[in-house]
Amino acid sequence: MVKGGRKFPFFYMIMIDKDFIKSLAEERLKESDSFLVDISVSPDNRISVEIDNDNGISIDECAVLSRYIEENLDREKEDFELEVGSSGITSPFKIVRQYIKNLGNEVEMLLKNGTKLTGILKAADDRCATISVEKKIKPDGSKRKSTVEEDLTYSYDEIKCTKYLIRF
């Protein structure tokens, strides 16, 4: 098919609206303890929905949300691929709720200036997160260094990524 001197494929792919998928997911999740972490929709309508819960996500919860979203989309109008999954334990935090979920846990925080910190996540709110790190200092008049804890607070604009730290 040629239109205005340009070639177009036989069919026009309609891109699925990310905001519509978000509203569907939030509507379904408001009845549960789970929360929405991220949604992505690629130009070829591959929909990826990432959810989390303070107590972990089951496959059944993912399946229920997947069916709900699929029931509200029309395959006659849009061809799509849908994936609903949990936020991985090694995935970087994407929303403030994940910081709050991990209060008291050991995390690894990479700042945009390249500084890498490891410590306990102490606090988080809509503006910033606080991490408690151990530092070795040599007090005046002492021969040995001693370990002290220091709380460092960074705005989310200063943080490149934060991950839950798993130690074996």
Protein backbone atom coordinates (compact mmCIF):
# COMPACT_ATOMS: atom_id res chain seq x y z
CA MET A 1 0.00 0.00 0.00
CA VAL A 2 1.34 3.43 -0.91
CA LYS A 3 0.04 6.54 0.79
CA GLY A 4 1.38 10.00 0.03
CA GLY A 5 4.41 8.54 -1.77
CA ARG A 6 5.38 6.37 1.24
CA LYS A 7 5.07 2.61 1.51
CA PHE A 8 3.14 1.19 4.44
CA PRO A 9 2.69 -2.43 5.48
CA PHE A 10 -0.58 -4.17 4.74
CA PHE A 11 -1.77 -3.58 8.27
CA TYR A 12 -1.13 -0.75 10.68
CA MET A 13 0.06 -1.81 14.12
CA ILE A 14 -1.72 0.07 16.85
CA MET A 15 0.57 0.65 19.82
CA ILE A 16 -1.00 -0.21 23.14
CA ASP A 17 -1.20 2.70 25.56
CA LYS A 18 1.11 2.27 28.58
CA ASP A 19 -1.13 4.46 30.76
CA PHE A 20 -4.10 2.21 29.99
CA ILE A 21 -2.14 -0.88 31.05
CA LYS A 22 -1.00 0.96 34.19
CA SER A 23 -4.58 1.85 35.12
CA LEU A 24 -5.69 -1.78 34.61
CA ALA A 25 -2.84 -3.11 36.77
CA GLU A 26 -3.41 -0.57 39.54
CA GLU A 27 -7.16 -1.24 39.50
CA ARG A 28 -6.58 -4.99 39.97
CA LEU A 29 -3.75 -4.60 42.51
CA LYS A 30 -5.68 -2.24 44.80
CA GLU A 31 -7.52 -5.34 46.09
CA SER A 32 -4.24 -6.95 47.19
CA ASP A 33 -1.03 -6.26 49.12
CA SER A 34 0.93 -6.22 45.88
CA PHE A 35 2.08 -3.06 44.15
CA LEU A 36 3.09 -2.02 40.65
CA VAL A 37 6.80 -1.52 40.07
CA ASP A 38 7.12 -0.93 36.33
CA ILE A 39 5.38 -1.27 32.97
CA SER A 40 6.96 -1.19 29.57
CA VAL A 41 5.34 -1.43 26.16
CA SER A 42 7.61 -1.87 23.16
CA PRO A 43 6.73 -0.55 19.69
CA ASP A 44 5.77 -4.10 18.66
CA ASN A 45 3.34 -4.36 21.61
CA ARG A 46 5.38 -6.51 23.96
CA ILE A 47 3.92 -5.62 27.34
CA SER A 48 5.97 -6.25 30.46
CA VAL A 49 4.40 -5.68 33.88
CA GLU A 50 6.54 -5.92 37.01
CA ILE A 51 4.91 -6.22 40.45
CA ASP A 52 6.15 -6.69 44.01
CA ASN A 53 4.82 -7.39 47.49
CA ASP A 54 6.31 -7.01 50.96
CA ASN A 55 5.97 -10.80 51.40
CA GLY A 56 6.95 -11.90 47.89
CA ILE A 57 4.93 -12.60 44.75
CA SER A 58 3.48 -15.97 43.79
CA ILE A 59 3.01 -17.26 40.27
CA ASP A 60 -0.73 -17.35 40.94
CA GLU A 61 -0.76 -13.59 41.64
CA CYS A 62 1.07 -12.96 38.35
CA ALA A 63 -1.39 -15.21 36.49
CA VAL A 64 -4.43 -13.44 37.97
CA LEU A 65 -3.10 -10.02 36.94
CA SER A 66 -2.14 -11.31 33.50
CA ARG A 67 -5.64 -12.70 32.89
CA TYR A 68 -7.21 -9.45 34.10
CA ILE A 69 -5.14 -7.31 31.74
CA GLU A 70 -5.70 -9.70 28.82
CA GLU A 71 -9.48 -9.72 29.40
CA ASN A 72 -9.50 -5.94 29.03
CA LEU A 73 -7.56 -5.84 25.76
CA ASP A 74 -9.04 -6.69 22.37
CA ARG A 75 -6.90 -9.06 20.31
CA GLU A 76 -9.07 -8.19 17.30
CA LYS A 77 -7.72 -4.62 17.45
CA GLU A 78 -4.24 -5.15 18.90
CA ASP A 79 -1.78 -7.98 18.59
CA PHE A 80 0.30 -8.14 21.77
CA GLU A 81 2.54 -10.26 23.93
CA LEU A 82 2.01 -9.96 27.70
CA GLU A 83 4.44 -10.86 30.47
CA VAL A 84 3.62 -10.33 34.14
CA GLY A 85 6.34 -11.08 36.66
CA SER A 86 7.75 -10.21 40.02
CA SER A 87 10.52 -7.75 40.62
CA GLY A 88 13.70 -9.80 40.81
CA ILE A 89 15.57 -9.93 44.10
CA THR A 90 18.73 -8.77 42.30
CA SER A 91 16.96 -6.07 40.27
CA PRO A 92 17.59 -2.41 41.08
CA PHE A 93 14.88 -0.61 43.02
CA LYS A 94 12.62 1.37 40.69
CA ILE A 95 10.11 2.96 43.07
CA VAL A 96 10.11 4.40 46.60
CA ARG A 97 7.92 1.54 47.88
CA GLN A 98 10.80 -0.88 47.17
CA TYR A 99 13.12 1.24 49.31
CA ILE A 100 10.55 1.19 52.11
CA LYS A 101 10.11 -2.58 51.75
CA ASN A 102 13.86 -3.03 52.23
CA LEU A 103 14.33 -0.83 55.32
CA GLY A 104 16.72 -2.60 57.69
CA ASN A 105 18.21 -4.73 54.91
CA GLU A 106 21.74 -4.58 53.57
CA VAL A 107 21.86 -2.85 50.20
CA GLU A 108 24.36 -1.76 47.61
CA MET A 109 23.91 1.82 46.42
CA LEU A 110 25.65 3.26 43.37
CA LEU A 111 25.64 7.03 43.16
CA LYS A 112 25.67 8.94 39.88
CA ASN A 113 29.12 10.31 40.77
CA GLY A 114 30.47 6.72 40.69
CA THR A 115 30.64 6.16 44.46
CA LYS A 116 29.58 2.66 45.53
CA LEU A 117 28.23 2.20 49.07
CA THR A 118 27.30 -0.92 50.99
CA GLY A 119 25.31 -0.65 54.17
CA ILE A 120 21.96 -0.91 55.92
CA LEU A 121 19.04 1.00 54.42
CA LYS A 122 17.90 3.14 57.37
CA ALA A 123 15.22 5.43 55.97
CA ALA A 124 13.36 6.30 52.79
CA ASP A 125 10.67 8.78 51.85
CA ASP A 126 9.44 10.49 48.69
CA ARG A 127 12.57 12.65 48.44
CA CYS A 128 15.57 10.63 49.63
CA ALA A 129 17.05 7.48 51.12
CA THR A 130 19.46 7.05 54.05
CA ILE A 131 22.09 4.34 54.19
CA SER A 132 24.18 3.50 57.26
CA VAL A 133 27.76 2.65 56.31
CA GLU A 134 30.70 1.51 58.39
CA LYS A 135 33.89 3.56 58.18
CA LYS A 136 37.28 2.97 59.72
CA ILE A 137 38.76 6.06 61.35
CA LYS A 138 41.83 6.63 63.44
CA PRO A 139 40.93 8.71 66.49
CA ASP A 140 43.47 11.31 67.60
CA GLY A 141 46.11 9.77 69.86
CA SER A 142 45.11 6.20 68.99
CA LYS A 143 47.33 3.65 67.29
CA ARG A 144 44.49 1.59 65.81
CA LYS A 145 41.60 2.44 63.57
CA SER A 146 38.15 1.90 64.94
CA THR A 147 34.92 1.22 63.08
CA VAL A 148 32.12 3.78 63.28
CA GLU A 149 28.72 3.92 61.62
CA GLU A 150 27.75 6.94 59.59
CA ASP A 151 24.30 7.67 58.16
CA LEU A 152 24.42 9.16 54.67
CA THR A 153 21.35 10.62 53.01
CA TYR A 154 20.99 11.04 49.24
CA SER A 155 18.18 12.34 47.09
CA TYR A 156 16.94 9.93 44.41
CA ASP A 157 18.41 12.31 41.82
CA GLU A 158 21.87 11.50 43.22
CA ILE A 159 21.32 7.72 43.18
CA LYS A 160 21.99 5.77 40.01
CA CYS A 161 20.72 2.46 41.42
CA THR A 162 20.15 0.56 44.66
CA LYS A 163 19.94 -3.23 45.01
CA TYR A 164 19.23 -5.65 47.82
CA LEU A 165 22.54 -7.25 48.76
CA ILE A 166 22.62 -11.02 49.02
CA ARG A 167 25.47 -12.59 50.99
CA PHE A 168 26.19 -16.29 51.27
